[in-house]
Amino acid sequence: MGLKTSEQLRQARAALGLTQSEVAALSGVSVPTMKRLEGGTGTLSVRLETLSNIESALETQGIQFLENGDVANGFGVAIKRAE
């Protein structure tokens, strides 16, 4: 699981140019859940299934989640290169 923080979630959505409503629809979660998750700080506190659905939806759209060894300050996101 690469999606760990609220900041990553905000970064991923912004990188793709998607609204919270669009990510909610793609991942099958509610808009209030998206707002709550993005409004937090630090590690996401949510059911594993919800987190997995959001992560999968964003990865399908081209996001790659980066972890400690990939970025200097912890966690981040990148857009996958076309193969």
Protein backbone atom coordinates (compact mmCIF):
# COMPACT_ATOMS: atom_id res chain seq x y z
CA MET A 1 0.00 0.00 0.00
CA GLY A 2 1.66 3.20 -1.18
CA LEU A 3 -0.98 5.77 -0.20
CA LYS A 4 -0.21 6.73 3.39
CA THR A 5 -0.85 10.44 4.03
CA SER A 6 -3.43 13.15 3.48
CA GLU A 7 -0.79 15.19 1.69
CA GLN A 8 -0.16 12.37 -0.80
CA LEU A 9 -3.87 12.18 -1.50
CA ARG A 10 -4.07 15.93 -2.17
CA GLN A 11 -0.92 15.81 -4.32
CA ALA A 12 -2.20 12.88 -6.38
CA ARG A 13 -5.55 14.49 -7.04
CA ALA A 14 -3.92 17.81 -7.96
CA ALA A 15 -1.38 16.14 -10.27
CA LEU A 16 -4.21 14.52 -12.18
CA GLY A 17 -6.35 17.66 -12.21
CA LEU A 18 -9.29 15.83 -10.63
CA THR A 19 -11.87 17.15 -8.21
CA GLN A 20 -12.69 15.43 -4.93
CA SER A 21 -16.01 14.41 -6.49
CA GLU A 22 -14.26 12.80 -9.45
CA VAL A 23 -11.89 10.80 -7.24
CA ALA A 24 -14.81 9.78 -5.05
CA ALA A 25 -16.71 8.51 -8.10
CA LEU A 26 -13.67 6.66 -9.48
CA SER A 27 -12.98 4.96 -6.15
CA GLY A 28 -16.54 4.34 -4.98
CA VAL A 29 -16.22 6.40 -1.79
CA SER A 30 -18.38 9.31 -0.69
CA VAL A 31 -17.44 12.95 -1.25
CA PRO A 32 -17.63 13.62 2.51
CA THR A 33 -15.08 10.82 3.04
CA MET A 34 -12.75 12.39 0.45
CA LYS A 35 -13.10 15.79 2.12
CA ARG A 36 -12.38 14.31 5.55
CA LEU A 37 -9.32 12.40 4.33
CA GLU A 38 -7.86 15.34 2.44
CA GLY A 39 -8.58 17.70 5.32
CA GLY A 40 -6.47 15.74 7.74
CA THR A 41 -2.77 15.80 8.39
CA GLY A 42 -0.34 12.95 8.59
CA THR A 43 -1.19 9.27 8.23
CA LEU A 44 -4.63 8.47 6.85
CA SER A 45 -7.07 6.92 9.31
CA VAL A 46 -9.61 4.96 7.29
CA ARG A 47 -10.74 1.40 6.62
CA LEU A 48 -8.19 -0.57 4.59
CA GLU A 49 -10.78 -1.31 1.87
CA THR A 50 -11.54 2.41 1.43
CA LEU A 51 -7.85 3.28 1.25
CA SER A 52 -7.22 0.47 -1.23
CA ASN A 53 -10.09 1.64 -3.46
CA ILE A 54 -8.78 5.21 -3.54
CA GLU A 55 -5.20 4.09 -4.16
CA SER A 56 -6.24 1.76 -7.00
CA ALA A 57 -8.37 4.45 -8.65
CA LEU A 58 -5.51 6.95 -8.57
CA GLU A 59 -2.96 4.42 -9.82
CA THR A 60 -5.28 3.52 -12.71
CA GLN A 61 -5.26 7.21 -13.63
CA GLY A 62 -1.44 7.21 -13.72
CA ILE A 63 -0.25 8.03 -10.20
CA GLN A 64 2.70 6.26 -8.60
CA PHE A 65 3.00 6.52 -4.82
CA LEU A 66 6.53 7.10 -3.52
CA GLU A 67 7.79 6.03 -0.11
CA ASN A 68 10.63 7.01 2.21
CA GLY A 69 13.48 5.78 0.03
CA ASP A 70 12.11 7.53 -3.04
CA VAL A 71 11.78 11.07 -1.69
CA ALA A 72 13.83 13.15 0.71
CA ASN A 73 11.01 14.16 3.06
CA GLY A 74 8.99 10.96 3.43
CA PHE A 75 6.13 10.19 1.08
CA GLY A 76 5.12 11.67 -2.26
CA VAL A 77 3.58 11.01 -5.66
CA ALA A 78 4.67 10.95 -9.28
CA ILE A 79 2.93 10.49 -12.59
CA LYS A 80 3.94 7.19 -14.19
CA ARG A 81 5.81 7.43 -17.45
CA ALA A 82 4.24 5.86 -20.48
CA GLU A 83 5.94 2.59 -21.36
